Amino acid sequence: MTVENKKNFIINIAFLLVCFGLIYLIVKFALPWLFPFIIALGMAAVLNRPIVWISSKTHVGRGLVAVFFVLLIFSILGVLLFLIGYQLVESAISMTNIVVDFAKRVLPLTVQTLTLYIDELPPDTAEALLTAARALTDALQTGLVSFATSVANSLVSFTTVGLPGFLIGFIITVVSCCYVSRDYIAVITFLSRLVPRRYRQVATQVKGYFITTGLTLLRSYILLMTLTFFELFVFLSLFRIEHALPIAALIAVIDVLPVLGTGTVLIPWALISFIMGNWPLGVKILIAYTVVTIVRNVTEPKLIGGQIGINPIFTLVAMYVGLRLAGVLGMFIMVFVVIMIKNLHDAGQFQFLNGD
């Protein structure tokens, strides 16, 4: 390695460290404050071509078309969220009834068994066990009261503080989406002028890689989530499970999240079924879990493996570092950062991984 190559290597490393530092600061501190405007910019980038096409074909102003698209998207999302939320509430009530039924069936049997066992013990030992049981019962009652109080306080806090803040944030997001979608070209031009000339080409490439990679990953995971949803919906419908549609949708969403998966819901569900004596349902749930897991493990590499072009171990490292830095959101962001660096290196912007 020549002296010039060493200098370039050090400069590139320093530049990357500064970029990582800025990304960390943005994700950790600025992202929560800028989130509505980031959503607006992303939606405007996605809607730009449809807005231009519709505006040119109908001769309607870009502003009106942009407002129409934004309101249409948020209206569809609102209806979907309402329907899903309504179904989830019904499912939660149904699951609560199942848990209560489980408690009514199992707890008396447990108490009866313990009573018979205690009667056969020496008086001192029996008294000690009864004292411990009373203490445990008191602790459970106190815990339930504390939990109910905490839930009630959280609901009151959300209603009085969180809900107004959420509504204000939602309105700001919608208005920002309308303005940015209308003036997308002007906004992009302004942002590009903030970047020094020598880095504008890199910034343009990063933007292109970000959009391409983001859309590719989004499409892949939507396909995976849809496949998981239909599999679960078919299984739960065949098993005659009530509220099969929202349960399948919820499990499919959980399956996409990092670390979690279908087993987070299906395995405890099967165990509870076995404990309650419903062995046929427990076996059916395990069969559904096995099939869904096998299908996902077979299809995921084909859908995503060839899209990123990064060794899985580096992807895993990036996800873990992102998790430690900024939580679950940081996992996705750090993977995007690694993808950007890899693509820029392949494009010749960062030539510090060669063996020269």
Protein backbone atom coordinates (compact mmCIF):
# COMPACT_ATOMS: atom_id res chain seq x y z
CA MET A 1 0.00 0.00 0.00
CA THR A 2 1.50 3.33 -1.09
CA VAL A 3 1.56 6.48 1.05
CA GLU A 4 -1.23 8.00 -1.06
CA ASN A 5 -3.41 4.90 -0.57
CA LYS A 6 -2.77 5.03 3.17
CA LYS A 7 -3.87 8.68 3.26
CA ASN A 8 -7.02 7.85 1.30
CA PHE A 9 -7.69 4.94 3.63
CA ILE A 10 -7.40 7.14 6.74
CA ILE A 11 -9.55 9.87 5.18
CA ASN A 12 -12.26 7.40 4.19
CA ILE A 13 -12.27 5.80 7.64
CA ALA A 14 -12.50 9.24 9.30
CA PHE A 15 -15.35 10.19 6.95
CA LEU A 16 -17.24 6.99 7.74
CA LEU A 17 -16.76 7.49 11.50
CA VAL A 18 -18.15 11.02 11.20
CA CYS A 19 -21.10 9.67 9.19
CA PHE A 20 -21.78 6.99 11.81
CA GLY A 21 -21.58 9.63 14.55
CA LEU A 22 -24.02 11.90 12.74
CA ILE A 23 -26.39 9.03 12.06
CA TYR A 24 -26.28 8.03 15.73
CA LEU A 25 -27.04 11.58 16.88
CA ILE A 26 -29.85 11.94 14.35
CA VAL A 27 -31.46 8.61 15.27
CA LYS A 28 -30.99 9.09 19.00
CA PHE A 29 -32.06 12.72 19.38
CA ALA A 30 -33.36 14.34 16.19
CA LEU A 31 -35.43 11.51 14.70
CA PRO A 32 -38.34 11.70 17.20
CA TRP A 33 -38.68 15.44 16.51
CA LEU A 34 -38.31 15.14 12.73
CA PHE A 35 -40.34 11.95 12.28
CA PRO A 36 -43.45 13.63 10.74
CA PHE A 37 -41.29 15.45 8.19
CA ILE A 38 -39.29 12.31 7.37
CA ILE A 39 -42.58 10.50 6.72
CA ALA A 40 -43.68 13.42 4.54
CA LEU A 41 -40.46 13.33 2.53
CA GLY A 42 -40.66 9.56 2.05
CA MET A 43 -44.32 9.69 0.99
CA ALA A 44 -43.60 12.57 -1.39
CA ALA A 45 -40.77 10.58 -3.00
CA VAL A 46 -43.08 7.60 -3.53
CA LEU A 47 -45.99 9.69 -4.81
CA ASN A 48 -43.97 12.03 -7.04
CA ARG A 49 -44.29 10.01 -10.25
CA PRO A 50 -48.02 9.19 -9.85
CA ILE A 51 -48.72 12.85 -9.05
CA VAL A 52 -46.80 14.07 -12.12
CA TRP A 53 -48.54 11.51 -14.36
CA ILE A 54 -52.08 12.24 -13.09
CA SER A 55 -51.50 15.99 -13.21
CA SER A 56 -50.24 15.85 -16.80
CA LYS A 57 -53.10 13.61 -17.96
CA THR A 58 -55.93 15.47 -16.22
CA HIS A 59 -54.43 18.99 -16.46
CA VAL A 60 -55.22 19.46 -12.77
CA GLY A 61 -52.76 21.40 -10.63
CA ARG A 62 -50.05 19.40 -8.87
CA GLY A 63 -51.14 20.76 -5.49
CA LEU A 64 -54.69 19.40 -5.77
CA VAL A 65 -53.49 16.02 -7.00
CA ALA A 66 -50.97 15.81 -4.17
CA VAL A 67 -53.58 16.66 -1.53
CA PHE A 68 -55.97 14.10 -3.03
CA PHE A 69 -53.36 11.32 -2.94
CA VAL A 70 -52.24 12.12 0.61
CA LEU A 71 -55.78 12.27 1.98
CA LEU A 72 -56.69 9.08 0.12
CA ILE A 73 -53.72 7.18 1.58
CA PHE A 74 -54.33 8.39 5.13
CA SER A 75 -58.05 7.63 4.82
CA ILE A 76 -57.33 4.06 3.70
CA LEU A 77 -54.77 3.63 6.50
CA GLY A 78 -57.23 5.04 9.04
CA VAL A 79 -60.00 2.66 8.00
CA LEU A 80 -57.65 -0.31 8.02
CA LEU A 81 -56.26 0.59 11.46
CA PHE A 82 -59.79 1.03 12.82
CA LEU A 83 -60.93 -2.34 11.49
CA ILE A 84 -57.80 -4.10 12.74
CA GLY A 85 -58.05 -2.38 16.13
CA TYR A 86 -61.71 -3.33 16.47
CA GLN A 87 -60.95 -6.95 15.67
CA LEU A 88 -57.97 -6.96 18.05
CA VAL A 89 -60.14 -5.64 20.90
CA GLU A 90 -62.66 -8.39 20.27
CA SER A 91 -59.85 -10.94 20.16
CA ALA A 92 -58.39 -9.58 23.40
CA ILE A 93 -61.77 -9.93 25.10
CA SER A 94 -62.05 -13.48 23.80
CA MET A 95 -58.53 -14.35 25.01
CA THR A 96 -59.34 -12.81 28.42
CA ASN A 97 -62.37 -15.07 28.70
CA ILE A 98 -60.16 -18.05 27.85
CA VAL A 99 -57.67 -17.08 30.58
CA VAL A 100 -60.46 -16.61 33.12
CA ASP A 101 -61.91 -19.99 32.19
CA PHE A 102 -58.43 -21.50 32.57
CA ALA A 103 -58.09 -19.97 36.03
CA LYS A 104 -61.52 -21.22 37.10
CA ARG A 105 -60.72 -24.76 35.98
CA VAL A 106 -57.10 -25.11 37.05
CA LEU A 107 -56.83 -23.10 40.27
CA PRO A 108 -59.53 -24.96 42.26
CA LEU A 109 -57.97 -28.27 41.25
CA THR A 110 -54.56 -27.02 42.33
CA VAL A 111 -55.89 -25.81 45.69
CA GLN A 112 -57.66 -29.12 46.25
CA THR A 113 -54.50 -31.08 45.47
CA LEU A 114 -52.40 -28.91 47.79
CA THR A 115 -54.98 -29.25 50.59
CA LEU A 116 -54.89 -33.03 50.38
CA TYR A 117 -51.11 -32.93 50.39
CA ILE A 118 -50.94 -30.54 53.38
CA ASP A 119 -53.33 -32.66 55.46
CA GLU A 120 -50.82 -35.49 55.37
CA LEU A 121 -47.92 -33.33 56.61
CA PRO A 122 -46.85 -32.67 60.22
CA PRO A 123 -48.70 -29.75 61.87
CA ASP A 124 -45.68 -27.41 61.90
CA THR A 125 -44.90 -28.03 58.25
CA ALA A 126 -48.55 -27.68 57.27
CA GLU A 127 -48.83 -24.39 59.15
CA ALA A 128 -45.70 -23.05 57.43
CA LEU A 129 -47.06 -24.02 54.00
CA LEU A 130 -50.44 -22.44 54.76
CA THR A 131 -48.69 -19.24 55.86
CA ALA A 132 -46.68 -19.21 52.63
CA ALA A 133 -49.84 -19.84 50.59
CA ARG A 134 -51.63 -16.95 52.31
CA ALA A 135 -48.64 -14.67 51.65
CA LEU A 136 -48.61 -15.76 48.00
CA THR A 137 -52.35 -15.11 47.69
CA ASP A 138 -51.98 -11.66 49.23
CA ALA A 139 -49.08 -10.90 46.90
CA LEU A 140 -51.13 -11.99 43.87
CA GLN A 141 -54.06 -9.83 44.95
CA THR A 142 -51.77 -6.86 45.54
CA GLY A 143 -50.12 -7.44 42.17
CA LEU A 144 -53.47 -7.59 40.37
CA VAL A 145 -54.66 -4.40 42.06
CA SER A 146 -51.38 -2.68 41.22
CA PHE A 147 -51.58 -3.86 37.61
CA ALA A 148 -55.19 -2.69 37.26
CA THR A 149 -54.26 0.69 38.79
CA SER A 150 -51.29 1.02 36.46
CA VAL A 151 -53.44 0.23 33.41
CA ALA A 152 -56.09 2.73 34.53
CA ASN A 153 -53.46 5.43 35.13
CA SER A 154 -51.91 4.71 31.72
CA LEU A 155 -55.30 5.05 30.02
CA VAL A 156 -56.00 8.31 31.86
CA SER A 157 -52.52 9.62 31.01
CA PHE A 158 -52.90 8.66 27.35
CA THR A 159 -56.36 10.27 27.18
CA THR A 160 -55.28 13.53 28.83
CA VAL A 161 -51.72 13.86 27.54
CA GLY A 162 -50.85 11.25 24.91
CA LEU A 163 -53.99 11.49 22.79
CA PRO A 164 -53.83 15.28 22.21
CA GLY A 165 -50.11 15.00 21.42
CA PHE A 166 -50.80 12.13 19.02
CA LEU A 167 -53.57 14.07 17.27
CA ILE A 168 -51.36 17.15 16.91
CA GLY A 169 -48.52 15.01 15.55
CA PHE A 170 -50.91 13.28 13.15
CA ILE A 171 -52.29 16.58 11.84
CA ILE A 172 -48.76 17.96 11.39
CA THR A 173 -47.78 14.78 9.52
CA VAL A 174 -50.76 15.03 7.14
CA VAL A 175 -50.19 18.73 6.48
CA SER A 176 -46.46 18.14 5.97
CA CYS A 177 -47.18 15.34 3.50
CA CYS A 178 -49.48 17.65 1.52
CA TYR A 179 -46.96 20.50 1.37
CA VAL A 180 -43.90 18.36 0.64
CA SER A 181 -45.75 16.33 -2.01
CA ARG A 182 -46.88 19.53 -3.69
CA ASP A 183 -43.42 21.16 -3.65
CA TYR A 184 -41.32 18.00 -3.84
CA ILE A 185 -38.95 19.25 -6.54
CA ALA A 186 -38.31 22.53 -4.72
CA VAL A 187 -37.72 20.70 -1.42
CA ILE A 188 -35.26 18.26 -2.99
CA THR A 189 -33.45 21.12 -4.73
CA PHE A 190 -33.15 23.00 -1.45
CA LEU A 191 -31.84 19.94 0.40
CA SER A 192 -29.33 19.20 -2.34
CA ARG A 193 -27.93 22.72 -2.05
CA LEU A 194 -27.20 22.07 1.62
CA VAL A 195 -24.77 19.34 0.58
CA PRO A 196 -21.27 20.51 -0.49
CA ARG A 197 -20.63 20.18 -4.22
CA ARG A 198 -17.95 17.55 -3.82
CA TYR A 199 -20.41 15.24 -2.01
CA ARG A 200 -23.52 15.86 -4.12
CA GLN A 201 -22.80 12.94 -6.43
CA VAL A 202 -22.38 10.66 -3.42
CA ALA A 203 -25.57 12.04 -1.87
CA THR A 204 -27.46 11.39 -5.11
CA GLN A 205 -26.17 7.81 -5.21
CA VAL A 206 -27.07 7.29 -1.55
CA LYS A 207 -30.59 8.55 -2.24
CA GLY A 208 -30.96 6.18 -5.19
CA TYR A 209 -29.59 3.20 -3.24
CA PHE A 210 -31.76 4.04 -0.24
CA ILE A 211 -34.97 4.21 -2.25
CA THR A 212 -34.16 1.09 -4.29
CA THR A 213 -33.07 -0.96 -1.30
CA GLY A 214 -35.94 0.27 0.86
CA LEU A 215 -38.58 -0.54 -1.72
CA THR A 216 -37.00 -3.94 -2.41
CA LEU A 217 -36.91 -4.90 1.26
CA LEU A 218 -40.38 -3.51 1.85
CA ARG A 219 -41.80 -5.48 -1.06
CA SER A 220 -40.03 -8.66 0.08
CA TYR A 221 -41.26 -8.41 3.66
CA ILE A 222 -44.79 -7.54 2.57
CA LEU A 223 -44.78 -10.71 0.44
CA LEU A 224 -43.49 -12.73 3.40
CA MET A 225 -46.06 -11.22 5.74
CA THR A 226 -48.87 -11.85 3.25
CA LEU A 227 -47.78 -15.47 2.78
CA THR A 228 -47.63 -16.02 6.55
CA PHE A 229 -51.03 -14.37 6.99
CA PHE A 230 -52.75 -16.58 4.42
CA GLU A 231 -51.15 -19.73 5.84
CA LEU A 232 -52.25 -18.89 9.36
CA PHE A 233 -55.71 -17.80 8.26
CA VAL A 234 -56.26 -21.10 6.45
CA PHE A 235 -55.01 -23.14 9.42
CA LEU A 236 -57.03 -21.20 12.01
CA SER A 237 -60.14 -21.37 9.85
CA LEU A 238 -59.75 -25.13 9.47
CA PHE A 239 -59.30 -25.39 13.25
CA ARG A 240 -62.53 -23.38 13.70
CA ILE A 241 -60.79 -20.71 15.78
CA GLU A 242 -62.90 -17.62 16.43
CA HIS A 243 -61.58 -14.31 15.07
CA ALA A 244 -59.17 -16.16 12.76
CA LEU A 245 -58.68 -13.12 10.52
CA PRO A 246 -57.36 -10.60 13.11
CA ILE A 247 -55.36 -13.27 14.94
CA ALA A 248 -53.65 -14.30 11.70
CA ALA A 249 -52.97 -10.65 10.83
CA LEU A 250 -51.48 -9.93 14.26
CA ILE A 251 -49.21 -12.99 14.19
CA ALA A 252 -48.08 -12.15 10.64
CA VAL A 253 -47.06 -8.65 11.76
CA ILE A 254 -45.22 -10.05 14.81
CA ASP A 255 -43.45 -12.54 12.54
CA VAL A 256 -41.87 -9.69 10.55
CA LEU A 257 -40.48 -7.94 13.62
CA PRO A 258 -36.84 -8.59 14.57
CA VAL A 259 -36.15 -11.29 17.20
CA LEU A 260 -39.85 -12.15 17.41
CA GLY A 261 -41.66 -14.67 15.23
CA THR A 262 -44.74 -16.83 14.94
CA GLY A 263 -43.44 -18.94 17.82
CA THR A 264 -43.88 -15.95 20.15
CA VAL A 265 -47.64 -16.50 19.92
CA LEU A 266 -48.17 -20.06 18.67
CA ILE A 267 -45.89 -21.93 21.11
CA PRO A 268 -47.44 -20.39 24.29
CA TRP A 269 -50.86 -20.92 22.73
CA ALA A 270 -50.11 -24.61 22.22
CA LEU A 271 -48.72 -24.97 25.77
CA ILE A 272 -51.83 -23.35 27.27
CA SER A 273 -53.99 -25.71 25.22
CA PHE A 274 -52.06 -28.71 26.57
CA ILE A 275 -52.35 -27.46 30.18
CA MET A 276 -56.10 -26.95 29.78
CA GLY A 277 -56.41 -30.49 28.48
CA ASN A 278 -57.24 -29.50 24.91
CA TRP A 279 -54.61 -31.76 23.34
CA PRO A 280 -56.11 -31.81 19.80
CA LEU A 281 -55.93 -28.00 19.55
CA GLY A 282 -52.39 -27.95 20.97
CA VAL A 283 -51.22 -30.48 18.39
CA LYS A 284 -52.93 -28.54 15.58
CA ILE A 285 -51.27 -25.26 16.65
CA LEU A 286 -47.86 -26.97 16.70
CA ILE A 287 -48.48 -28.38 13.22
CA ALA A 288 -49.40 -24.89 11.96
CA TYR A 289 -46.26 -23.46 13.59
CA THR A 290 -44.05 -26.12 12.00
CA VAL A 291 -45.47 -25.62 8.50
CA VAL A 292 -45.30 -21.81 8.67
CA THR A 293 -41.72 -21.91 9.97
CA ILE A 294 -40.56 -24.32 7.26
CA VAL A 295 -42.20 -22.30 4.48
CA ARG A 296 -40.69 -19.05 5.80
CA ASN A 297 -37.19 -20.53 6.10
CA VAL A 298 -37.43 -21.79 2.52
CA THR A 299 -38.88 -18.64 0.95
CA GLU A 300 -37.08 -15.90 2.91
CA PRO A 301 -33.60 -16.54 1.48
CA LYS A 302 -35.02 -16.55 -2.05
CA LEU A 303 -36.93 -13.31 -1.52
CA ILE A 304 -34.37 -11.34 0.50
CA GLY A 305 -31.04 -13.15 0.36
CA GLY A 306 -30.16 -11.99 -3.14
CA GLN A 307 -31.56 -8.49 -2.71
CA ILE A 308 -29.07 -7.04 -0.22
CA GLY A 309 -25.83 -8.61 -1.45
CA ILE A 310 -24.24 -8.65 2.02
CA ASN A 311 -22.95 -11.64 3.94
CA PRO A 312 -25.51 -12.64 6.63
CA ILE A 313 -22.93 -12.31 9.43
CA PHE A 314 -22.33 -8.63 8.59
CA THR A 315 -26.08 -8.07 8.46
CA LEU A 316 -26.41 -9.70 11.88
CA VAL A 317 -23.59 -7.52 13.30
CA ALA A 318 -25.21 -4.38 11.88
CA MET A 319 -28.59 -5.31 13.38
CA TYR A 320 -27.06 -5.96 16.80
CA VAL A 321 -25.07 -2.70 16.80
CA GLY A 322 -28.18 -0.80 15.71
CA LEU A 323 -30.20 -2.48 18.46
CA ARG A 324 -27.66 -1.44 21.09
CA LEU A 325 -27.49 2.13 19.80
CA ALA A 326 -31.12 3.00 19.09
CA GLY A 327 -33.38 0.05 19.81
CA VAL A 328 -35.46 -1.85 17.25
CA LEU A 329 -35.58 1.11 14.84
CA GLY A 330 -31.80 1.28 14.97
CA MET A 331 -31.58 -2.31 13.71
CA PHE A 332 -33.23 -1.38 10.42
CA ILE A 333 -31.36 1.91 10.10
CA MET A 334 -27.94 0.32 10.69
CA VAL A 335 -28.65 -2.36 8.06
CA PHE A 336 -29.47 0.43 5.61
CA VAL A 337 -26.21 2.21 6.52
CA VAL A 338 -24.19 -0.94 5.85
CA ILE A 339 -25.99 -1.41 2.54
CA MET A 340 -25.23 2.19 1.57
CA ILE A 341 -21.53 1.77 2.38
CA LYS A 342 -21.35 -1.48 0.44
CA ASN A 343 -23.07 0.02 -2.62
CA LEU A 344 -20.90 3.14 -2.52
CA HIS A 345 -17.79 0.99 -2.29
CA ASP A 346 -18.94 -1.08 -5.28
CA ALA A 347 -19.54 2.18 -7.16
CA GLY A 348 -15.95 3.28 -6.49
CA GLN A 349 -16.66 6.01 -3.94
CA PHE A 350 -14.87 4.22 -1.09
CA GLN A 351 -11.95 2.15 -2.28
CA PHE A 352 -10.47 1.16 1.08
CA LEU A 353 -11.42 -2.52 1.12
CA ASN A 354 -9.03 -3.56 -1.60
CA GLY A 355 -5.85 -5.38 -0.84
CA ASP A 356 -3.66 -2.88 -2.73
